[in-house]
Protein backbone atom coordinates (compact mmCIF):
# COMPACT_ATOMS: atom_id res chain seq x y z
CA MET A 1 -0.10 -0.03 0.05
CA ALA A 2 1.38 3.38 -1.07
CA GLN A 3 2.34 5.76 2.04
CA THR A 4 0.03 8.89 2.09
CA VAL A 5 1.93 11.09 4.66
CA PRO A 6 5.58 11.43 3.78
CA PRO A 7 8.08 10.70 6.45
CA CYS A 8 9.66 13.77 8.33
CA GLU A 9 12.20 14.07 11.22
CA LEU A 10 10.48 14.55 14.82
CA PRO A 11 11.49 18.00 16.24
CA ALA A 12 13.85 17.54 19.23
CA LYS A 13 12.67 18.17 22.66
CA GLU A 14 14.37 21.04 24.39
CA TYR A 15 15.14 20.72 28.03
CA GLU A 16 16.12 23.53 30.25
CA VAL A 17 18.69 22.60 32.89
CA ALA A 18 18.29 24.27 36.45
CA ARG A 19 20.95 26.87 37.10
CA ASN A 20 22.33 27.31 40.53
CA THR A 21 21.55 30.79 41.08
CA GLY A 22 20.87 30.94 44.68
CA ALA A 23 23.12 31.56 47.98
CA TYR A 24 24.49 28.34 47.21
CA ALA A 25 25.14 28.71 43.77
CA SER A 26 28.62 27.67 42.40
CA SER A 27 28.83 30.91 40.50
CA GLY A 28 29.13 32.75 43.86
CA LEU A 29 32.10 34.24 45.26
CA ALA A 30 35.13 32.07 45.38
CA THR A 31 34.85 32.06 49.13
CA ALA A 32 33.75 28.58 49.65
CA GLY A 33 36.96 26.56 49.23
CA PHE A 34 36.59 23.49 47.16
CA ARG A 35 33.08 24.03 45.82
CA THR A 36 34.10 26.66 43.08
CA ALA A 37 32.85 25.48 39.44
CA LYS A 38 30.92 22.21 40.73
CA TYR A 39 27.45 21.24 39.85
CA LEU A 40 24.88 20.43 42.51
CA LEU A 41 23.53 16.78 42.96
CA GLU A 42 20.12 18.02 41.53
CA GLU A 43 21.83 19.24 38.36
CA TRP A 44 23.57 15.90 37.94
CA PHE A 45 20.13 14.08 38.33
CA GLN A 46 18.63 16.72 36.08
CA ASN A 47 21.59 15.75 33.59
CA CYS A 48 20.79 11.96 33.54
CA TYR A 49 17.14 12.36 33.45
CA ALA A 50 17.81 14.68 30.04
CA ARG A 51 20.26 12.03 28.61
CA TYR A 52 17.74 9.24 29.56
CA HIS A 53 14.99 11.06 27.84
CA GLN A 54 17.11 11.89 24.69
CA ALA A 55 18.27 8.31 24.32
CA PHE A 56 14.68 7.15 24.61
CA ALA A 57 13.44 9.77 22.18
CA ASP A 58 16.46 9.10 19.67
CA ARG A 59 15.66 5.24 19.93
CA ASP A 60 11.94 5.77 19.46
CA GLN A 61 12.57 8.07 16.38
CA SER A 62 14.99 5.52 15.14
CA GLU A 63 12.77 2.84 15.56
CA ARG A 64 10.14 4.77 13.69
CA GLN A 65 12.22 5.68 10.91
CA ARG A 66 13.58 1.89 10.39
CA HIS A 67 9.93 0.80 10.53
CA GLU A 68 8.93 3.10 8.06
CA SER A 69 12.10 2.47 5.82
CA GLN A 70 11.34 -1.12 5.98
CA GLN A 71 7.70 -0.56 4.88
CA LEU A 72 8.95 1.90 2.38
CA ALA A 73 11.35 -0.67 0.88
CA SER A 74 8.68 -3.35 0.99
CA GLU A 75 5.98 -1.03 -0.77
CA THR A 76 8.62 0.04 -3.28
CA GLN A 77 9.60 -3.36 -3.99
CA ALA A 78 6.18 -4.60 -4.43
CA LEU A 79 5.43 -1.45 -6.43
CA ALA A 80 8.60 -2.05 -8.76
CA GLN A 81 7.62 -5.95 -9.08
CA ARG A 82 3.93 -4.76 -9.80
CA THR A 83 5.20 -2.10 -12.53
CA GLN A 84 7.69 -4.51 -13.99
CA GLN A 85 5.02 -7.11 -14.29
CA ASP A 86 2.72 -4.54 -15.86
CA SER A 87 5.33 -3.51 -18.20
CA THR A 88 6.19 -6.96 -19.28
CA ARG A 89 2.47 -7.41 -19.81
CA ARG A 90 2.18 -4.39 -21.83
CA VAL A 91 5.23 -5.77 -23.99
CA GLY A 92 3.71 -8.90 -24.28
CA GLU A 93 0.40 -7.29 -25.43
CA ARG A 94 2.58 -5.05 -27.81
CA LEU A 95 4.21 -8.38 -29.10
CA GLN A 96 0.85 -9.80 -29.84
CA ASP A 97 -0.27 -6.61 -31.75
CA MET A 98 2.86 -6.72 -33.82
CA HIS A 99 2.72 -10.20 -34.33
CA GLY A 100 -0.67 -9.70 -35.69
CA TRP A 101 0.23 -6.86 -38.02
CA LYS A 102 3.50 -8.71 -38.97
CA SER A 103 1.39 -11.72 -40.05
CA GLU A 104 -1.04 -9.73 -41.92
CA LEU A 105 1.62 -7.74 -43.61
CA GLN A 106 3.64 -11.09 -44.52
CA ARG A 107 0.27 -12.49 -46.09
CA GLU A 108 -0.14 -9.57 -48.06
CA VAL A 109 3.40 -9.50 -49.27
CA GLU A 110 2.88 -13.00 -50.47
CA ALA A 111 -0.78 -12.38 -51.98
CA LEU A 112 1.06 -9.31 -53.71
CA ALA A 113 3.93 -11.61 -54.82
CA ALA A 114 1.62 -14.11 -56.18
CA GLU A 115 -0.56 -11.58 -57.79
CA THR A 116 2.35 -9.94 -59.49
CA ASP A 117 3.58 -13.32 -60.91
CA LEU A 118 -0.08 -13.98 -62.17
CA LEU A 119 0.05 -10.53 -63.76
CA LEU A 120 3.48 -11.05 -65.28
CA ALA A 121 1.80 -14.37 -66.89
CA GLN A 122 -0.78 -12.39 -68.36
CA LYS A 123 1.68 -9.71 -69.70
CA GLN A 124 3.66 -12.67 -71.20
CA ARG A 125 0.42 -13.81 -72.96
CA LEU A 126 -0.38 -10.16 -74.16
CA GLU A 127 3.30 -10.18 -75.69
CA ARG A 128 2.91 -13.61 -77.12
CA ALA A 129 -0.58 -12.60 -78.53
CA LEU A 130 0.87 -9.27 -80.14
CA ASP A 131 3.70 -11.43 -82.03
CA ALA A 132 1.10 -13.93 -83.00
CA THR A 133 -0.67 -10.69 -84.78
CA GLU A 134 2.14 -10.29 -87.01
CA VAL A 135 1.67 -13.37 -89.00
CA PRO A 136 -2.17 -12.46 -89.81
CA PHE A 137 -1.20 -8.86 -90.78
CA SER A 138 1.67 -10.07 -93.18
CA ILE A 139 -0.75 -12.55 -94.77
CA ALA A 140 -3.63 -10.03 -95.25
CA THR A 141 -1.15 -7.55 -96.72
CA ASP A 142 0.41 -10.19 -98.81
CA ASN A 143 -2.74 -11.27 -100.00
CA LEU A 144 -3.76 -7.50 -100.92
CA GLN A 145 -0.56 -7.24 -102.72
CA CYS A 146 -0.95 -10.39 -104.75
CA ARG A 147 -4.36 -9.64 -105.88
CA GLU A 148 -3.05 -6.42 -107.37
CA ARG A 149 -1.38 -8.61 -109.81
CA ARG A 150 -4.78 -9.65 -111.46
CA GLN A 151 -5.29 -8.78 -114.88
CA HIS A 152 -8.09 -6.77 -116.37
CA PRO A 153 -10.98 -7.00 -116.25
CA ASN A 154 -10.48 -9.28 -112.99
CA LEU A 155 -9.00 -6.47 -111.20
CA VAL A 156 -12.19 -5.61 -109.27
CA ARG A 157 -12.93 -4.31 -105.62
CA ASP A 158 -14.77 -7.54 -104.68
CA HIS A 159 -16.20 -8.90 -101.57
CA VAL A 160 -12.63 -10.81 -100.88
CA GLU A 161 -10.89 -7.44 -101.28
CA THR A 162 -13.41 -5.72 -98.65
CA GLU A 163 -12.96 -8.52 -96.18
CA LEU A 164 -9.22 -8.23 -96.38
CA LEU A 165 -9.30 -4.57 -95.80
CA LYS A 166 -11.41 -4.94 -92.64
CA GLU A 167 -9.12 -7.77 -91.53
CA ALA A 168 -6.08 -5.66 -91.84
CA GLU A 169 -8.08 -2.92 -90.19
CA LEU A 170 -9.04 -5.27 -87.46
CA ILE A 171 -5.49 -6.43 -86.83
CA ARG A 172 -4.16 -3.09 -86.71
CA ASN A 173 -6.84 -2.04 -84.07
CA ILE A 174 -6.21 -5.10 -81.86
CA GLN A 175 -2.25 -4.58 -82.04
CA GLU A 176 -2.99 -0.87 -80.59
CA LEU A 177 -5.36 -2.37 -78.13
CA LEU A 178 -2.81 -5.07 -77.09
CA LYS A 179 0.21 -2.50 -76.85
CA ARG A 180 -2.03 -0.08 -74.55
CA THR A 181 -3.17 -3.10 -72.51
CA ILE A 182 0.79 -4.27 -72.18
CA MET A 183 1.57 -0.71 -70.88
CA GLN A 184 -1.34 -0.90 -68.16
CA ALA A 185 -0.06 -4.17 -67.01
CA VAL A 186 3.44 -2.93 -67.02
CA SER A 187 2.31 0.03 -64.99
CA GLN A 188 0.28 -2.19 -62.65
CA ILE A 189 3.02 -4.59 -62.05
CA ARG A 190 5.29 -1.55 -61.07
CA LEU A 191 2.69 -0.45 -58.56
CA ASN A 192 2.45 -4.15 -57.01
CA ARG A 193 6.09 -4.10 -56.75
CA GLU A 194 6.01 -0.48 -55.16
CA ARG A 195 3.19 -1.71 -52.70
CA LYS A 196 5.04 -4.96 -51.98
CA GLU A 197 8.20 -3.16 -51.35
CA THR A 198 6.26 -0.73 -48.81
CA CYS A 199 4.83 -3.63 -46.90
CA GLU A 200 8.20 -5.36 -46.74
CA MET A 201 9.91 -2.38 -45.22
CA ASP A 202 7.08 -2.35 -42.79
CA TRP A 203 7.33 -5.61 -41.95
CA SER A 204 11.08 -5.77 -41.73
CA ASP A 205 10.66 -2.84 -39.20
CA LYS A 206 8.03 -4.83 -37.26
CA VAL A 207 10.40 -7.78 -37.08
CA GLU A 208 13.26 -5.69 -35.93
CA ALA A 209 10.92 -4.10 -33.17
CA TYR A 210 9.34 -7.43 -32.59
CA ASN A 211 12.94 -8.88 -31.82
CA ILE A 212 13.85 -5.92 -29.54
CA ASP A 213 10.45 -5.91 -27.69
CA GLU A 214 11.16 -9.90 -27.21
CA THR A 215 14.26 -9.22 -25.76
CA CYS A 216 12.88 -6.53 -23.53
CA GLY A 217 10.04 -9.08 -22.51
CA ARG A 218 12.62 -11.47 -21.30
CA TYR A 219 14.59 -9.02 -19.14
CA HIS A 220 13.92 -9.26 -15.22
CA SER A 221 15.43 -7.90 -12.23
CA GLN A 222 17.96 -10.92 -11.88
CA SER A 223 19.18 -10.45 -15.77
CA THR A 224 22.90 -9.83 -16.32
CA GLN A 225 22.35 -7.93 -19.54
CA VAL A 226 20.98 -4.76 -18.17
CA GLN A 227 22.53 -1.62 -17.82
CA ALA A 228 21.86 1.81 -16.56
CA HIS A 229 20.51 4.01 -19.25
CA PRO A 230 19.35 7.40 -17.35
CA HIS A 231 18.48 9.38 -20.44
CA SER A 232 16.27 6.67 -21.96
CA THR A 233 12.94 8.00 -20.44
CA ALA A 234 12.91 10.84 -22.75
CA PHE A 235 10.50 10.61 -25.66
CA GLN A 236 11.99 11.01 -29.28
CA GLU A 237 10.26 13.71 -31.11
CA SER A 238 9.86 11.44 -34.14
CA ALA A 239 8.08 8.71 -31.87
CA SER A 240 4.71 7.64 -33.25
CA THR A 241 1.67 7.12 -31.34
CA PRO A 242 -0.22 3.85 -30.97
CA GLU A 243 -3.08 5.25 -33.08
CA THR A 244 -0.57 6.64 -36.02
CA TRP A 245 1.43 3.46 -35.73
CA ALA A 246 -1.60 1.30 -36.48
CA LYS A 247 -2.98 3.58 -39.05
CA PHE A 248 0.26 3.60 -40.82
CA THR A 249 0.23 -0.23 -41.16
CA GLN A 250 -3.28 -0.23 -41.94
CA ASP A 251 -3.02 2.40 -44.66
CA ASN A 252 -0.18 0.38 -46.12
CA LEU A 253 -2.26 -2.70 -46.02
CA CYS A 254 -5.30 -0.84 -47.71
CA ARG A 255 -3.18 0.77 -50.58
CA ALA A 256 -1.65 -2.92 -51.14
CA GLN A 257 -5.14 -4.61 -50.99
CA ARG A 258 -6.51 -1.67 -53.54
CA GLU A 259 -3.57 -2.30 -55.86
CA ARG A 260 -3.89 -5.98 -55.47
CA LEU A 261 -7.74 -5.65 -56.49
CA ALA A 262 -6.95 -3.65 -59.58
CA SER A 263 -4.28 -6.24 -60.66
CA ALA A 264 -7.01 -9.04 -60.31
CA ASN A 265 -9.39 -6.89 -62.26
CA LEU A 266 -6.81 -6.09 -64.83
CA ARG A 267 -6.14 -9.88 -65.35
CA VAL A 268 -9.82 -10.49 -65.80
CA LEU A 269 -9.83 -7.73 -68.44
CA VAL A 270 -6.72 -9.33 -69.96
CA ASP A 271 -8.54 -12.44 -70.14
CA CYS A 272 -11.73 -10.82 -71.92
CA ILE A 273 -9.37 -9.03 -74.25
CA LEU A 274 -7.37 -11.84 -75.43
CA ARG A 275 -10.49 -14.03 -75.67
CA ASP A 276 -12.42 -11.33 -77.75
CA THR A 277 -9.69 -10.55 -80.04
CA SER A 278 -8.69 -14.07 -80.79
CA GLU A 279 -12.11 -14.95 -81.47
CA ASP A 280 -12.73 -11.75 -83.46
CA LEU A 281 -9.62 -12.51 -85.58
CA ARG A 282 -10.51 -16.25 -86.23
CA LEU A 283 -14.14 -15.04 -87.24
CA GLN A 284 -12.65 -12.51 -89.67
CA CYS A 285 -10.29 -15.04 -91.00
CA ASP A 286 -13.16 -17.44 -91.58
CA ALA A 287 -15.18 -14.76 -93.33
CA VAL A 288 -12.22 -13.95 -95.84
CA ASN A 289 -11.82 -17.58 -96.37
CA LEU A 290 -15.34 -17.95 -97.04
CA ALA A 291 -15.29 -14.92 -99.36
CA PHE A 292 -12.27 -16.65 -101.12
CA GLY A 293 -13.95 -19.65 -101.41
CA ARG A 294 -17.11 -18.09 -103.31
CA ARG A 295 -14.95 -15.72 -105.25
CA CYS A 296 -13.22 -19.23 -106.51
CA GLU A 297 -16.60 -20.57 -107.36
CA GLU A 298 -17.52 -17.43 -109.40
CA LEU A 299 -14.48 -17.41 -111.33
CA GLU A 300 -14.55 -20.90 -111.93
CA ASP A 301 -18.04 -20.89 -113.24
CA ALA A 302 -17.20 -17.92 -115.33
CA ARG A 303 -14.16 -19.66 -116.74
CA HIS A 304 -16.24 -22.53 -117.43
CA LYS A 305 -18.90 -20.74 -119.18
CA LEU A 306 -16.10 -18.88 -121.10
CA GLN A 307 -14.59 -21.79 -122.18
CA GLN A 308 -17.92 -23.16 -123.48
CA HIS A 309 -18.37 -19.86 -125.44
CA LEU A 310 -14.63 -20.09 -126.74
CA HIS A 311 -15.50 -23.69 -127.87
CA LYS A 312 -18.68 -22.57 -129.66
CA THR A 313 -16.88 -19.40 -131.08
CA LEU A 314 -14.36 -21.67 -132.66
CA ARG A 315 -16.74 -24.02 -134.24
CA GLU A 316 -18.41 -20.87 -135.40
CA ILE A 317 -15.19 -19.49 -136.78
CA THR A 318 -14.67 -22.65 -138.55
CA ASP A 319 -18.31 -22.59 -140.11
CA GLN A 320 -17.86 -18.81 -141.11
CA GLU A 321 -14.65 -19.57 -142.63
CA HIS A 322 -16.43 -22.36 -144.76
CA ASN A 323 -19.11 -19.84 -145.50
CA VAL A 324 -16.66 -17.29 -146.64
CA ALA A 325 -15.07 -19.81 -148.85
CA ALA A 326 -18.30 -20.91 -150.33
CA LEU A 327 -19.22 -17.27 -150.94
CA LYS A 328 -16.02 -16.62 -152.67
CA GLN A 329 -16.57 -19.84 -154.81
CA ALA A 330 -20.32 -18.71 -155.51
CA ILE A 331 -18.86 -15.38 -156.67
CA LYS A 332 -16.21 -17.05 -158.66
CA ASP A 333 -18.76 -19.48 -160.30
CA LYS A 334 -21.03 -16.37 -161.15
CA GLU A 335 -18.24 -14.51 -163.23
CA ALA A 336 -18.29 -17.31 -166.06
CA PRO A 337 -21.85 -17.00 -166.85
CA LEU A 338 -21.52 -13.38 -166.69
CA ARG A 339 -18.65 -13.16 -169.02
CA VAL A 340 -20.70 -15.58 -171.34
CA ALA A 341 -23.95 -13.21 -171.32
CA GLN A 342 -21.53 -10.07 -171.73
CA THR A 343 -19.66 -11.85 -174.62
CA ARG A 344 -23.02 -12.74 -176.41
CA LEU A 345 -24.46 -8.94 -175.93
CA TYR A 346 -20.94 -7.72 -177.17
CA LEU A 347 -20.99 -10.01 -180.28
CA ARG A 348 -24.52 -9.35 -180.90
CA SER A 349 -23.56 -5.40 -180.92
CA HIS A 350 -21.88 -6.15 -183.97
CA ARG A 351 -24.96 -7.43 -186.06
CA PRO A 352 -25.22 -5.43 -189.16
CA ASN A 353 -27.97 -2.93 -190.20
CA VAL A 354 -31.50 -4.03 -189.44
CA GLU A 355 -30.10 -7.55 -187.99
CA LEU A 356 -29.25 -5.29 -184.94
CA CYS A 357 -32.74 -5.88 -183.59
CA ARG A 358 -33.72 -5.68 -179.78
CA ASP A 359 -35.19 -9.09 -179.89
CA ALA A 360 -36.28 -11.51 -177.20
CA ALA A 361 -33.02 -12.84 -176.98
CA GLN A 362 -31.48 -9.17 -176.59
CA PHE A 363 -33.65 -8.37 -173.75
CA ARG A 364 -32.97 -11.86 -172.16
CA LEU A 365 -29.23 -11.53 -172.34
CA VAL A 366 -29.49 -8.04 -170.92
CA SER A 367 -31.74 -9.22 -168.16
CA GLU A 368 -29.31 -12.15 -167.53
CA VAL A 369 -26.49 -9.78 -167.16
CA GLU A 370 -28.41 -7.70 -164.59
CA GLU A 371 -29.57 -10.82 -162.72
CA LEU A 372 -25.89 -11.93 -162.67
CA ASN A 373 -24.63 -8.45 -161.66
CA MET A 374 -27.21 -8.28 -158.82
CA SER A 375 -26.40 -11.75 -157.59
CA LEU A 376 -22.63 -10.85 -157.67
CA ALA A 377 -23.41 -7.71 -155.66
CA ALA A 378 -25.56 -9.63 -153.18
CA LEU A 379 -22.90 -12.33 -152.97
CA ARG A 380 -20.15 -9.70 -152.46
CA GLU A 381 -22.25 -7.97 -149.93
CA LYS A 382 -22.99 -11.15 -147.94
CA LEU A 383 -19.19 -12.00 -148.37
CA LEU A 384 -18.35 -8.46 -146.75
CA GLU A 385 -20.63 -9.55 -143.90
CA ALA A 386 -19.54 -13.04 -143.44
CA GLU A 387 -15.70 -11.71 -143.50
CA GLN A 388 -16.68 -9.04 -140.92
CA SER A 389 -18.59 -11.46 -138.86
CA LEU A 390 -15.55 -13.90 -139.14
CA ARG A 391 -13.30 -10.81 -137.93
CA ASN A 392 -15.74 -10.20 -135.19
CA LEU A 393 -15.48 -13.88 -134.03
CA GLU A 394 -11.90 -13.76 -134.23
CA ASP A 395 -11.84 -10.61 -131.99
CA THR A 396 -14.26 -12.46 -129.58
CA HIS A 397 -12.08 -15.51 -129.81
CA MET A 398 -9.12 -13.37 -128.60
CA SER A 399 -11.18 -11.44 -126.11
CA LEU A 400 -12.55 -14.90 -124.73
CA GLU A 401 -8.98 -16.53 -124.50
CA LYS A 402 -7.55 -13.22 -122.93
CA ASP A 403 -10.68 -13.37 -120.23
CA ILE A 404 -10.04 -17.17 -119.60
CA THR A 405 -6.14 -16.48 -119.13
CA ALA A 406 -6.90 -13.56 -116.88
CA MET A 407 -9.54 -15.74 -114.71
CA THR A 408 -7.06 -18.49 -114.56
CA ASN A 409 -4.37 -16.14 -113.52
CA SER A 410 -7.01 -14.80 -110.70
CA LEU A 411 -7.93 -18.34 -109.78
CA PHE A 412 -4.23 -19.08 -109.31
CA ILE A 413 -3.49 -15.85 -107.24
CA ASP A 414 -6.59 -16.85 -105.01
CA ARG A 415 -5.92 -20.50 -104.69
CA GLN A 416 -2.59 -21.03 -105.06
CA LYS A 417 -1.11 -17.89 -103.49
CA CYS A 418 -3.50 -16.31 -101.12
CA MET A 419 -5.46 -19.23 -100.01
CA ALA A 420 -2.25 -21.44 -99.51
CA HIS A 421 -0.66 -18.70 -97.51
CA ARG A 422 -3.53 -18.46 -95.27
CA THR A 423 -3.20 -21.88 -94.18
CA ARG A 424 -0.35 -20.57 -92.03
CA TYR A 425 -2.82 -18.51 -89.97
CA PRO A 426 -2.40 -18.92 -86.13
CA THR A 427 -4.29 -20.94 -84.32
CA ILE A 428 -7.12 -19.31 -81.68
CA LEU A 429 -4.60 -20.59 -78.70
CA GLN A 430 -1.88 -18.80 -80.26
CA LEU A 431 -3.84 -15.64 -80.86
CA ALA A 432 -5.09 -16.03 -77.29
CA GLY A 433 -1.33 -15.93 -76.20
CA TYR A 434 -1.17 -19.46 -74.67
CA GLN A 435 1.48 -20.67 -77.16
């Protein structure tokens, strides 16, 4: 129990010694012989009684002081033990608090490290997916360049070219999206590492403080490692309060959890982006392949029809050549009868005098010549038409062969060049960054 009244020294009791001032006092005249400067008996007794009382008072005061000292020593010993036990208990509670926060920080550091590794894996998927888009882009641009070598009139902006342009534009947009996502992943990885480093620093400080407090908790009054540090009770200006200490770690954990949640959300976003982009690329690839297939069927059908028309044209050319030859022969055949009729008329024009008569024979010969001339004119006109038709057929023949050659070239480009090149298109796993 603590002492309420502080101890103090008792006041010394003052005693007055009786002085011999009477007729028989020793301070009288030196007329009494040997009594000069001697005390009286009563004075001697009074002096002894004073010494007794003073001794008793000193012993009583000493006993009280000794008792109070023993009581104060026992009370201070008990107080020191209680204070030390309370301090040890408080250090133990502090150790428990630090152990809890240290465990939370360690779990958060491990979670951040695992999350950063997962995000690094997603970043590698993005990089592989970005590299995989180079092959489709080179295929699309190569297809467009190859199809530029098609011959007239097959150099058209058909559905295949439209789909190829859409594919090239889609790949460019996806590449830009993947690059932006990679930059976002790199930034998030940097933030994760910064939060992890902050938590590690806090954890390291708490481990060091935990070891110090654990050492302090093992010290007791019989410990030999303790030393006197008189100025250790002074508080440092940079010392934190329990509230700011807990808030500092809590803020670090909150920031780390916030970044970890953002990293997890980013990983989900990366999964969605890679899934959607790979599906879009494969769908567009299938659309281009389908357009190529339909275009090749159209070219094949058109070439087959042109070949049929060419075959018929060749037969017609042959027939027309025979017709031209027959017309020329017919004209040639009409020249002899015409010469005969003209010769007859010429000879009959030399009949003498009255014999130069316009008889029936003369009229018939004249009509025969006119008929032959009309027949020759008709035959020559027909011959001209036949020759023009033959020339037209030959021009058509050349045009058909040219168109067939152009279509054959277009089919070769679309099938042997473009579609064969498109067989190297990446799989959906490669486009999703898994390979």
